[in-house]
C-alpha atoms as a PDB file:
ATOM      1  CA  MET A   1      14.792  -3.304   3.685  1.00  0.00           C
ATOM      2  CA  SER A   2      12.838  -3.997   6.844  1.00  0.00           C
ATOM      3  CA  PRO A   3      10.905  -7.281   7.209  1.00  0.00           C
ATOM      4  CA  VAL A   4       7.679  -5.311   7.290  1.00  0.00           C
ATOM      5  CA  ARG A   5       8.438  -3.680   3.948  1.00  0.00           C
ATOM      6  CA  GLU A   6       9.492  -7.023   2.456  1.00  0.00           C
ATOM      7  CA  HIS A   7       6.103  -8.374   3.466  1.00  0.00           C
ATOM      8  CA  TYR A   8       3.905  -5.548   2.215  1.00  0.00           C
ATOM      9  CA  ASN A   9       5.777  -4.260  -0.856  1.00  0.00           C
ATOM     10  CA  PRO A  10       4.646  -7.107  -3.174  1.00  0.00           C
ATOM     11  CA  ILE A  11       1.036  -6.455  -2.108  1.00  0.00           C
ATOM     12  CA  ILE A  12       1.366  -2.734  -2.705  1.00  0.00           C
ATOM     13  CA  SER A  13       2.984  -3.338  -6.080  1.00  0.00           C
ATOM     14  CA  THR A  14       0.128  -5.579  -7.140  1.00  0.00           C
ATOM     15  CA  LEU A  15      -2.443  -3.016  -6.044  1.00  0.00           C
ATOM     16  CA  LEU A  16      -0.610  -0.281  -7.919  1.00  0.00           C
ATOM     17  CA  ARG A  17      -0.597  -2.352 -11.128  1.00  0.00           C
ATOM     18  CA  GLU A  18      -4.323  -3.033 -10.797  1.00  0.00           C
ATOM     19  CA  HIS A  19      -4.974   0.630 -10.131  1.00  0.00           C
ATOM     20  CA  ASP A  20      -2.996   1.613 -13.231  1.00  0.00           C
ATOM     21  CA  ARG A  21      -4.988  -0.794 -15.402  1.00  0.00           C
ATOM     22  CA  LEU A  22      -8.295   0.815 -14.512  1.00  0.00           C
ATOM     23  CA  PRO A  23      -9.696   3.421 -16.908  1.00  0.00           C
ATOM     24  CA  HIS A  24      -9.661   6.970 -15.599  1.00  0.00           C
ATOM     25  CA  ASP A  25     -13.402   7.200 -15.644  1.00  0.00           C
ATOM     26  CA  GLN A  26     -13.736   4.561 -12.875  1.00  0.00           C
ATOM     27  CA  ILE A  27     -13.024   7.094 -10.168  1.00  0.00           C
ATOM     28  CA  GLU A  28     -14.560   5.198  -7.275  1.00  0.00           C
ATOM     29  CA  LYS A  29     -12.645   1.993  -7.972  1.00  0.00           C
ATOM     30  CA  ARG A  30      -9.415   3.959  -8.379  1.00  0.00           C
ATOM     31  CA  LYS A  31     -10.015   5.743  -5.092  1.00  0.00           C
ATOM     32  CA  CYS A  32     -10.657   2.404  -3.388  1.00  0.00           C
ATOM     33  CA  PHE A  33      -7.272   1.139  -4.578  1.00  0.00           C
ATOM     34  CA  GLN A  34      -5.621   4.344  -3.468  1.00  0.00           C
ATOM     35  CA  ARG A  35      -7.103   3.997   0.029  1.00  0.00           C
ATOM     36  CA  ARG A  36      -5.945   0.430   0.312  1.00  0.00           C
ATOM     37  CA  ILE A  37      -2.429   1.367  -0.799  1.00  0.00           C
ATOM     38  CA  LEU A  38      -2.260   4.279   1.620  1.00  0.00           C
ATOM     39  CA  PHE A  39      -3.518   2.065   4.443  1.00  0.00           C
ATOM     40  CA  LEU A  40      -0.750  -0.474   3.793  1.00  0.00           C
ATOM     41  CA  MET A  41       1.887   2.234   3.530  1.00  0.00           C
ATOM     42  CA  ASN A  42       0.698   3.662   6.842  1.00  0.00           C
ATOM     43  CA  THR A  43       0.832   0.164   8.371  1.00  0.00           C
ATOM     44  CA  ILE A  44       4.486  -0.167   7.278  1.00  0.00           C
ATOM     45  CA  THR A  45       5.363   3.211   8.765  1.00  0.00           C
ATOM     46  CA  THR A  46       3.584   2.454  12.033  1.00  0.00           C
ATOM     47  CA  GLU A  47       5.196  -0.982  12.441  1.00  0.00           C
ATOM     48  CA  GLU A  48       8.647   0.384  11.697  1.00  0.00           C
ATOM     49  CA  PHE A  49       8.093   3.203  14.171  1.00  0.00           C
ATOM     50  CA  GLU A  50       6.989   0.739  16.849  1.00  0.00           C
ATOM     51  CA  THR A  51       9.952  -1.572  16.302  1.00  0.00           C
ATOM     52  CA  SER A  52      12.366   1.356  16.504  1.00  0.00           C
ATOM     53  CA  PHE A  53      11.349   1.832  20.116  1.00  0.00           C
ATOM     54  CA  SER A  54      11.407  -1.798  21.164  1.00  0.00           C
END
């Protein structure tokens, strides 16, 4: 696993657990968690892509 993934995976896992604990009727809060998770996943992909060319 890349160092970037090792750094961000625990954070993403925590956010996923919090998201799963929310009731389904709290749509806005759930979407907020989803956006944060997607942002972090995109960050991982971007950093891995950049390091592959360095």
